[in-house]
Amino acid sequence: MSHPLEGLRVLDFSRVLAGPFAGRMLSDLGADVVKVEPPEGDVTRLWGARINGVAGYFHQQNAGKRDVCIDLTVDGAAELAKSLAARADVVIENFRPGVMDRLGIGYAVLAADHPELVMLSISGFGQGGPESDRAAYAPIIHAESGVMARQARLYRHAAVDMALSIADTNASLHGLVALLAALLMRQRTGQGQHIDMAMIDAMLVTDDALHFSLEASEGTQPIRSEVWDTAAGPVIIAGDFRHIWRQLERHCGVVDATPQGATLEEKIASRRETARAFFAMLRDRDALIDALDRMNLAWGDVRTSNTAVELPTVKHRGTITHVDDRGGGTRQVVQSPYRFSNAASGVRGGAPHQGEHNAEVLQHWLGASDADIAGWRAAGVLLEKGAD
């Protein structure tokens, strides 16, 4: 089977997560994704286990891509980058607004020679607004979006950052939707697009609890799901506790031990303690699952990341797969989630070394000669760093 995006060319100037994640998913869908890396390298080459010269974080977000290393500050580098962009369908970048323009490869310049180009620009606060110049990483958006404060309020602890970079991946995935829509529109109109994706927008639109604050209706939101200690370890049960209590009474014979005359708050606290005692006294995992199934409640084990990969569904779907480790073996990588009935998808190789594909890409995309490539190397435009 062929890949959905076979033949699509993507030039990926982005780094860290918001842009590279989008590029990785495009590669898994069959696009030829070329990462343009600066001499200092993507900072994520320093993060995670280093296996045969490739760090784990970089590997996860850049697996399957090709890599050219260009010093965009050197004379002649912008012209080379423009030549590559002229052969691309998509350009991705996540610099602070204005940086691509200062480098001489902003959208207006690229589109002047290539009006069919689709360019995805991801930034914290968008292009051309009052806060566009602000540096913005995921934790900044977590804080500014209100999510961090809400977590602190709900769980009665000091404000702390999320345990994963939600703002980056939200912007990346919304960026993917936008660029695929732009490519579809290009088929009708022949025109490309510049997509301005602000992380703050992506964070707010995917916040399913924001409307409670916008409409001052916090009192109507459902009671959040709770974690219960059981003989099988901590288990989260989805749903409002009032519904869980009714199911406990109806299907498990649990009796309300609240004294007469108790306040509503005392009644809820008493019922919660009775429920905790019920879950704690179940003799083993089979008894727990039997009770939960009788109540038709959705539940989940509170797993660690290490045990999450042991979930039967994760194994069945091949969510953790293995690719070339660049040293004759394999290493684990998380697979993209796309499963098609009549198309191929999935990670197609390990992550590249810095500048590994300089000659290969320039010959393939530009038809460059050995002399051309030698000239760019001599001028300091092209660098090959090899393994980290």
Protein backbone atom coordinates (compact mmCIF):
# COMPACT_ATOMS: atom_id res chain seq x y z
CA MET A 1 0.00 0.00 0.00
CA SER A 2 1.15 3.54 -0.66
CA HIS A 3 1.38 6.30 1.93
CA PRO A 4 -1.24 9.11 1.84
CA LEU A 5 1.36 11.89 1.46
CA GLU A 6 3.77 10.12 -0.87
CA GLY A 7 5.58 12.64 -3.07
CA LEU A 8 4.96 15.60 -0.76
CA ARG A 9 8.11 17.58 0.03
CA VAL A 10 8.47 19.31 3.39
CA LEU A 11 11.28 21.65 4.42
CA ASP A 12 11.36 21.74 8.22
CA PHE A 13 13.26 24.65 9.79
CA SER A 14 11.67 24.05 13.20
CA ARG A 15 13.26 22.85 16.39
CA VAL A 16 12.41 21.35 19.80
CA LEU A 17 8.77 20.12 19.64
CA ALA A 18 5.91 22.23 18.19
CA GLY A 19 7.28 22.20 14.64
CA PRO A 20 9.30 18.95 14.65
CA PHE A 21 6.30 16.94 15.88
CA ALA A 22 4.26 18.11 12.88
CA GLY A 23 7.16 17.22 10.58
CA ARG A 24 7.50 13.78 12.15
CA MET A 25 3.79 13.03 11.57
CA LEU A 26 4.06 14.20 7.95
CA SER A 27 7.02 11.86 7.48
CA ASP A 28 5.06 8.97 8.97
CA LEU A 29 2.32 9.72 6.44
CA GLY A 30 4.81 9.40 3.59
CA ALA A 31 6.15 12.91 3.01
CA ASP A 32 9.84 13.51 2.27
CA VAL A 33 10.68 15.70 5.28
CA VAL A 34 14.05 17.46 5.24
CA LYS A 35 15.10 19.02 8.52
CA VAL A 36 17.21 22.16 8.16
CA GLU A 37 19.45 22.28 11.21
CA PRO A 38 21.73 25.13 12.32
CA PRO A 39 25.42 24.57 13.17
CA GLU A 40 24.67 24.53 16.90
CA GLY A 41 22.08 21.81 16.35
CA ASP A 42 18.59 21.36 17.69
CA VAL A 43 18.82 21.67 21.50
CA THR A 44 16.92 18.40 21.87
CA ARG A 45 20.05 16.57 20.69
CA LEU A 46 21.12 17.05 24.33
CA TRP A 47 18.03 15.46 25.90
CA GLY A 48 17.51 11.80 26.68
CA ALA A 49 19.49 8.62 26.28
CA ARG A 50 22.23 8.93 23.66
CA ILE A 51 22.37 5.80 21.50
CA ASN A 52 24.95 5.73 18.70
CA GLY A 53 25.17 9.51 18.74
CA VAL A 54 21.44 10.31 18.71
CA ALA A 55 19.62 11.54 21.83
CA GLY A 56 16.22 10.10 22.70
CA TYR A 57 14.09 13.24 22.60
CA PHE A 58 15.52 14.30 19.24
CA HIS A 59 15.05 10.77 17.94
CA GLN A 60 11.36 10.63 18.86
CA GLN A 61 10.48 13.89 17.11
CA ASN A 62 12.75 13.55 14.06
CA ALA A 63 12.69 9.86 13.19
CA GLY A 64 12.30 9.24 9.48
CA LYS A 65 13.47 12.70 8.37
CA ARG A 66 16.51 13.62 6.29
CA ASP A 67 18.85 16.34 7.58
CA VAL A 68 20.81 19.16 6.02
CA CYS A 69 22.94 21.46 8.16
CA ILE A 70 22.99 25.05 6.88
CA ASP A 71 24.48 28.10 8.58
CA LEU A 72 21.83 30.65 7.65
CA THR A 73 24.04 33.52 8.85
CA VAL A 74 26.65 32.91 6.12
CA ASP A 75 26.57 34.67 2.75
CA GLY A 76 24.87 32.50 0.17
CA ALA A 77 22.98 30.39 2.75
CA ALA A 78 19.68 32.21 2.29
CA GLU A 79 19.87 31.63 -1.46
CA LEU A 80 20.42 27.92 -0.91
CA ALA A 81 17.50 27.78 1.53
CA LYS A 82 15.30 29.64 -0.97
CA SER A 83 16.25 27.15 -3.68
CA LEU A 84 15.20 24.26 -1.44
CA ALA A 85 11.95 26.02 -0.49
CA ALA A 86 11.21 26.52 -4.19
CA ARG A 87 11.16 22.72 -4.55
CA ALA A 88 9.06 22.16 -1.41
CA ASP A 89 5.31 21.87 -1.03
CA VAL A 90 5.43 22.82 2.65
CA VAL A 91 7.76 24.84 4.85
CA ILE A 92 7.53 24.57 8.66
CA GLU A 93 9.14 27.01 11.09
CA ASN A 94 8.68 27.90 14.75
CA PHE A 95 11.08 30.80 15.22
CA ARG A 96 9.93 33.94 16.99
CA PRO A 97 7.99 36.12 14.48
CA GLY A 98 10.31 38.15 12.29
CA VAL A 99 13.30 35.81 12.43
CA MET A 100 12.61 34.17 9.05
CA ASP A 101 12.27 37.63 7.49
CA ARG A 102 15.59 38.76 8.96
CA LEU A 103 17.22 35.62 7.57
CA GLY A 104 15.89 36.52 4.13
CA ILE A 105 13.56 33.53 3.85
CA GLY A 106 10.23 34.86 5.13
CA TYR A 107 6.95 33.87 3.51
CA ALA A 108 6.70 36.97 1.30
CA VAL A 109 10.12 36.27 -0.20
CA LEU A 110 9.52 32.54 -0.68
CA ALA A 111 5.99 32.95 -2.06
CA ALA A 112 7.10 35.57 -4.57
CA ASP A 113 8.91 32.82 -6.50
CA HIS A 114 6.67 29.96 -5.38
CA PRO A 115 3.05 31.05 -4.87
CA GLU A 116 1.90 27.44 -4.40
CA LEU A 117 3.95 27.13 -1.19
CA VAL A 118 2.17 26.30 2.07
CA MET A 119 4.09 27.65 5.05
CA LEU A 120 3.25 26.81 8.65
CA SER A 121 4.56 29.26 11.23
CA ILE A 122 4.06 28.26 14.87
CA SER A 123 4.71 30.83 17.58
CA GLY A 124 3.61 31.50 21.12
CA PHE A 125 1.41 34.53 20.52
CA GLY A 126 1.03 34.68 16.74
CA GLN A 127 2.36 36.92 14.01
CA GLY A 128 2.11 40.71 14.19
CA GLY A 129 0.21 41.05 17.46
CA PRO A 130 0.94 43.02 20.65
CA GLU A 131 2.81 40.09 22.22
CA SER A 132 4.35 38.52 19.13
CA ASP A 133 7.88 39.30 20.26
CA ARG A 134 7.55 37.37 23.52
CA ALA A 135 9.62 34.22 23.90
CA ALA A 136 7.19 31.38 24.44
CA TYR A 137 7.78 27.77 25.33
CA ALA A 138 5.06 25.35 26.40
CA PRO A 139 5.24 26.20 30.14
CA ILE A 140 4.62 29.88 29.36
CA ILE A 141 1.43 29.01 27.47
CA HIS A 142 0.35 26.58 30.20
CA ALA A 143 0.58 29.48 32.65
CA GLU A 144 -0.90 32.22 30.46
CA SER A 145 -3.83 30.06 29.31
CA GLY A 146 -5.12 29.58 32.86
CA VAL A 147 -4.69 25.81 32.85
CA MET A 148 -1.86 25.81 35.38
CA ALA A 149 -3.83 27.91 37.89
CA ARG A 150 -6.94 25.75 37.42
CA GLN A 151 -4.97 22.59 38.20
CA ALA A 152 -3.59 24.23 41.35
CA ARG A 153 -7.04 25.34 42.47
CA LEU A 154 -8.77 22.02 41.82
CA TYR A 155 -6.12 19.91 43.50
CA ARG A 156 -5.24 22.42 46.24
CA HIS A 157 -1.50 22.62 45.59
CA ALA A 158 0.94 25.26 44.46
CA ALA A 159 0.94 26.09 40.76
CA VAL A 160 3.30 23.77 38.88
CA ASP A 161 3.83 23.06 35.20
CA MET A 162 2.18 20.19 33.36
CA ALA A 163 4.06 16.91 33.12
CA LEU A 164 4.08 17.08 29.31
CA SER A 165 4.28 19.87 26.73
CA ILE A 166 0.58 20.13 25.90
CA ALA A 167 0.85 23.61 24.36
CA ASP A 168 3.49 22.46 21.88
CA THR A 169 1.67 19.36 20.72
CA ASN A 170 -1.70 21.17 20.55
CA ALA A 171 -0.20 23.80 18.24
CA SER A 172 1.57 21.14 16.22
CA LEU A 173 -1.55 19.05 15.67
CA HIS A 174 -3.71 22.07 14.83
CA GLY A 175 -0.92 23.16 12.50
CA LEU A 176 -1.13 19.78 10.77
CA VAL A 177 -4.87 20.18 10.26
CA ALA A 178 -4.38 23.66 8.84
CA LEU A 179 -1.60 22.75 6.43
CA LEU A 180 -3.44 19.68 5.14
CA ALA A 181 -6.52 21.88 4.61
CA ALA A 182 -4.33 24.41 2.78
CA LEU A 183 -2.93 21.68 0.53
CA LEU A 184 -6.46 20.53 -0.28
CA MET A 185 -7.46 24.12 -1.09
CA ARG A 186 -4.36 24.49 -3.26
CA GLN A 187 -5.68 21.68 -5.45
CA ARG A 188 -8.74 23.85 -6.19
CA THR A 189 -7.12 27.28 -6.42
CA GLY A 190 -3.47 26.70 -7.29
CA GLN A 191 -2.54 29.06 -4.45
CA GLY A 192 -0.55 28.38 -1.30
CA GLN A 193 -1.06 29.82 2.17
CA HIS A 194 0.85 31.22 5.11
CA ILE A 195 -0.59 29.64 8.25
CA ASP A 196 -0.22 31.69 11.44
CA MET A 197 -0.61 29.20 14.31
CA ALA A 198 -0.43 30.72 17.80
CA MET A 199 0.17 28.30 20.66
CA ILE A 200 -2.11 30.36 22.90
CA ASP A 201 -5.00 29.96 20.41
CA ALA A 202 -4.43 26.22 20.10
CA MET A 203 -4.29 25.83 23.87
CA LEU A 204 -7.51 27.75 24.49
CA VAL A 205 -9.52 26.09 21.72
CA THR A 206 -8.64 22.62 23.01
CA ASP A 207 -9.49 23.58 26.63
CA ASP A 208 -12.87 21.90 27.04
CA ALA A 209 -13.41 23.57 30.43
CA LEU A 210 -12.75 27.17 29.36
CA HIS A 211 -16.42 27.96 28.65
CA PHE A 212 -17.27 27.45 32.34
CA SER A 213 -15.08 30.47 33.11
CA LEU A 214 -16.23 32.51 30.08
CA GLU A 215 -19.87 32.12 31.16
CA ALA A 216 -19.30 32.20 34.93
CA SER A 217 -20.87 28.75 35.21
CA GLU A 218 -18.22 26.85 37.18
CA GLY A 219 -20.91 25.51 39.52
CA THR A 220 -22.48 23.52 36.69
CA GLN A 221 -19.39 21.58 35.65
CA PRO A 222 -19.26 17.86 36.39
CA ILE A 223 -17.49 16.67 39.51
CA ARG A 224 -14.05 15.51 38.45
CA SER A 225 -13.16 11.82 38.42
CA GLU A 226 -11.40 10.41 41.47
CA VAL A 227 -8.65 7.89 42.13
CA TRP A 228 -9.55 5.06 44.50
CA ASP A 229 -7.18 2.79 46.44
CA THR A 230 -8.02 -0.85 45.77
CA ALA A 231 -6.54 -4.30 46.22
CA ALA A 232 -5.37 -3.98 42.61
CA GLY A 233 -3.65 -0.64 43.21
CA PRO A 234 -4.88 2.87 42.45
CA VAL A 235 -7.75 2.98 39.96
CA ILE A 236 -9.49 6.01 38.49
CA ILE A 237 -13.23 5.74 37.94
CA ALA A 238 -14.71 8.12 35.39
CA GLY A 239 -17.84 9.99 36.32
CA ASP A 240 -19.58 12.13 38.89
CA PHE A 241 -19.40 10.63 42.39
CA ARG A 242 -23.18 10.99 42.75
CA HIS A 243 -23.63 8.55 39.84
CA ILE A 244 -20.99 6.18 41.24
CA TRP A 245 -22.77 6.16 44.60
CA ARG A 246 -26.14 5.28 43.03
CA GLN A 247 -24.47 2.39 41.20
CA LEU A 248 -22.83 1.17 44.43
CA GLU A 249 -26.22 1.13 46.17
CA ARG A 250 -28.06 -0.47 43.26
CA HIS A 251 -25.58 -3.16 42.18
CA CYS A 252 -23.27 -3.79 45.12
CA GLY A 253 -25.57 -3.44 48.13
CA VAL A 254 -23.59 -0.59 49.69
CA VAL A 255 -25.57 1.07 52.48
CA ASP A 256 -25.51 4.76 53.33
CA ALA A 257 -24.12 5.06 56.87
CA THR A 258 -24.62 8.82 57.17
CA PRO A 259 -26.16 9.77 60.56
CA GLN A 260 -29.52 11.51 60.50
CA GLY A 261 -29.32 15.27 60.63
CA ALA A 262 -25.99 15.44 58.77
CA THR A 263 -25.37 18.39 56.49
CA LEU A 264 -25.08 17.88 52.73
CA GLU A 265 -21.30 18.27 52.99
CA GLU A 266 -21.15 15.69 55.79
CA LYS A 267 -23.39 13.34 53.80
CA ILE A 268 -21.10 13.49 50.76
CA ALA A 269 -18.01 12.96 52.92
CA SER A 270 -19.64 9.98 54.68
CA ARG A 271 -20.68 8.36 51.41
CA ARG A 272 -17.21 8.87 49.97
CA GLU A 273 -15.65 7.12 52.97
CA THR A 274 -18.12 4.24 52.62
CA ALA A 275 -17.23 3.94 48.94
CA ARG A 276 -13.50 3.98 49.75
CA ALA A 277 -14.01 1.23 52.32
CA PHE A 278 -15.92 -0.85 49.77
CA PHE A 279 -13.20 -0.59 47.11
CA ALA A 280 -10.46 -1.25 49.65
CA MET A 281 -12.08 -4.41 51.01
CA LEU A 282 -12.42 -6.15 47.63
CA ARG A 283 -10.12 -9.16 47.88
CA ASP A 284 -8.32 -8.98 44.52
CA ARG A 285 -8.30 -7.58 41.00
CA ASP A 286 -10.90 -10.02 39.69
CA ALA A 287 -13.34 -8.97 42.40
CA LEU A 288 -12.72 -5.31 41.64
CA ILE A 289 -13.28 -5.72 37.90
CA ASP A 290 -16.42 -7.78 38.54
CA ALA A 291 -17.86 -5.00 40.73
CA LEU A 292 -16.98 -2.26 38.25
CA ASP A 293 -18.45 -4.24 35.37
CA ARG A 294 -21.69 -4.85 37.31
CA MET A 295 -21.94 -1.08 37.82
CA ASN A 296 -21.03 -0.43 34.16
CA LEU A 297 -18.41 2.11 35.20
CA ALA A 298 -15.45 3.16 33.09
CA TRP A 299 -12.19 2.70 34.97
CA GLY A 300 -8.46 2.67 34.43
CA ASP A 301 -5.32 1.62 36.25
CA VAL A 302 -3.16 4.54 37.34
CA ARG A 303 -0.05 3.34 35.56
CA THR A 304 3.47 4.64 35.35
CA SER A 305 4.84 5.50 31.92
CA ASN A 306 6.92 2.31 32.06
CA THR A 307 3.86 0.12 32.65
CA ALA A 308 1.67 2.03 30.17
CA VAL A 309 3.62 0.39 27.34
CA GLU A 310 2.60 -3.00 28.75
CA LEU A 311 -1.10 -2.25 28.19
CA PRO A 312 -2.53 -5.07 26.02
CA THR A 313 -3.93 -2.59 23.51
CA VAL A 314 -0.55 -0.86 23.17
CA LYS A 315 1.07 -4.20 22.38
CA HIS A 316 -1.72 -5.28 20.04
CA ARG A 317 -1.56 -2.06 18.01
CA GLY A 318 2.23 -1.88 17.90
CA THR A 319 2.19 1.58 19.48
CA ILE A 320 5.81 1.09 20.55
CA THR A 321 7.85 0.00 17.56
CA HIS A 322 11.54 -0.40 16.74
CA VAL A 323 13.69 1.40 14.18
CA ASP A 324 17.35 1.46 13.18
CA ASP A 325 19.54 2.65 16.08
CA ARG A 326 22.31 3.78 13.68
CA GLY A 327 24.63 1.15 15.07
CA GLY A 328 23.44 -2.15 13.68
CA GLY A 329 20.63 -2.65 16.19
CA THR A 330 17.22 -1.17 16.92
CA ARG A 331 15.74 1.26 19.41
CA GLN A 332 12.21 1.91 20.59
CA VAL A 333 10.13 4.78 19.24
CA VAL A 334 6.46 5.66 19.68
CA GLN A 335 4.49 4.98 16.51
CA SER A 336 2.19 7.58 14.94
CA PRO A 337 -1.48 6.84 15.67
CA TYR A 338 -2.79 6.82 12.10
CA ARG A 339 -4.30 3.54 10.91
CA PHE A 340 -5.85 3.43 7.44
CA SER A 341 -7.94 0.76 5.75
CA ASN A 342 -6.13 1.11 2.43
CA ALA A 343 -2.96 3.13 2.97
CA ALA A 344 0.36 2.70 4.74
CA SER A 345 1.61 4.87 7.58
CA GLY A 346 4.22 4.77 10.31
CA VAL A 347 7.74 5.76 11.21
CA ARG A 348 10.14 4.88 8.40
CA GLY A 349 13.55 5.01 10.03
CA GLY A 350 15.72 6.43 12.76
CA ALA A 351 16.52 10.09 13.29
CA PRO A 352 19.30 11.65 11.20
CA HIS A 353 22.72 12.89 12.22
CA GLN A 354 23.38 16.58 11.74
CA GLY A 355 24.00 17.31 8.07
CA GLU A 356 23.89 13.61 7.23
CA HIS A 357 21.96 14.11 4.01
CA ASN A 358 23.51 17.32 2.72
CA ALA A 359 24.70 15.89 -0.58
CA GLU A 360 21.82 13.44 -0.98
CA VAL A 361 19.09 16.09 -0.54
CA LEU A 362 20.81 18.77 -2.64
CA GLN A 363 21.34 16.32 -5.47
CA HIS A 364 17.80 14.94 -5.18
CA TRP A 365 15.93 18.24 -4.80
CA LEU A 366 18.18 20.64 -6.72
CA GLY A 367 20.20 18.45 -9.03
CA ALA A 368 23.34 19.94 -7.45
CA SER A 369 26.72 18.76 -8.69
CA ASP A 370 29.64 17.61 -6.57
CA ALA A 371 31.33 20.91 -7.36
CA ASP A 372 28.28 22.88 -6.13
CA ILE A 373 28.25 20.94 -2.88
CA ALA A 374 32.00 21.36 -2.41
CA GLY A 375 31.59 25.10 -2.96
CA TRP A 376 28.90 25.41 -0.28
CA ARG A 377 31.06 23.44 2.10
CA ALA A 378 34.09 25.62 1.44
CA ALA A 379 32.01 28.78 2.01
CA GLY A 380 30.77 27.50 5.38
CA VAL A 381 27.18 27.31 4.18
CA LEU A 382 26.99 23.52 4.54
CA LEU A 383 28.26 21.59 7.55
CA GLU A 384 28.40 17.89 8.35
CA LYS A 385 28.55 17.26 12.07
CA GLY A 386 27.90 13.51 12.02
CA ALA A 387 27.04 11.74 15.26
CA ASP A 388 26.63 13.90 18.36
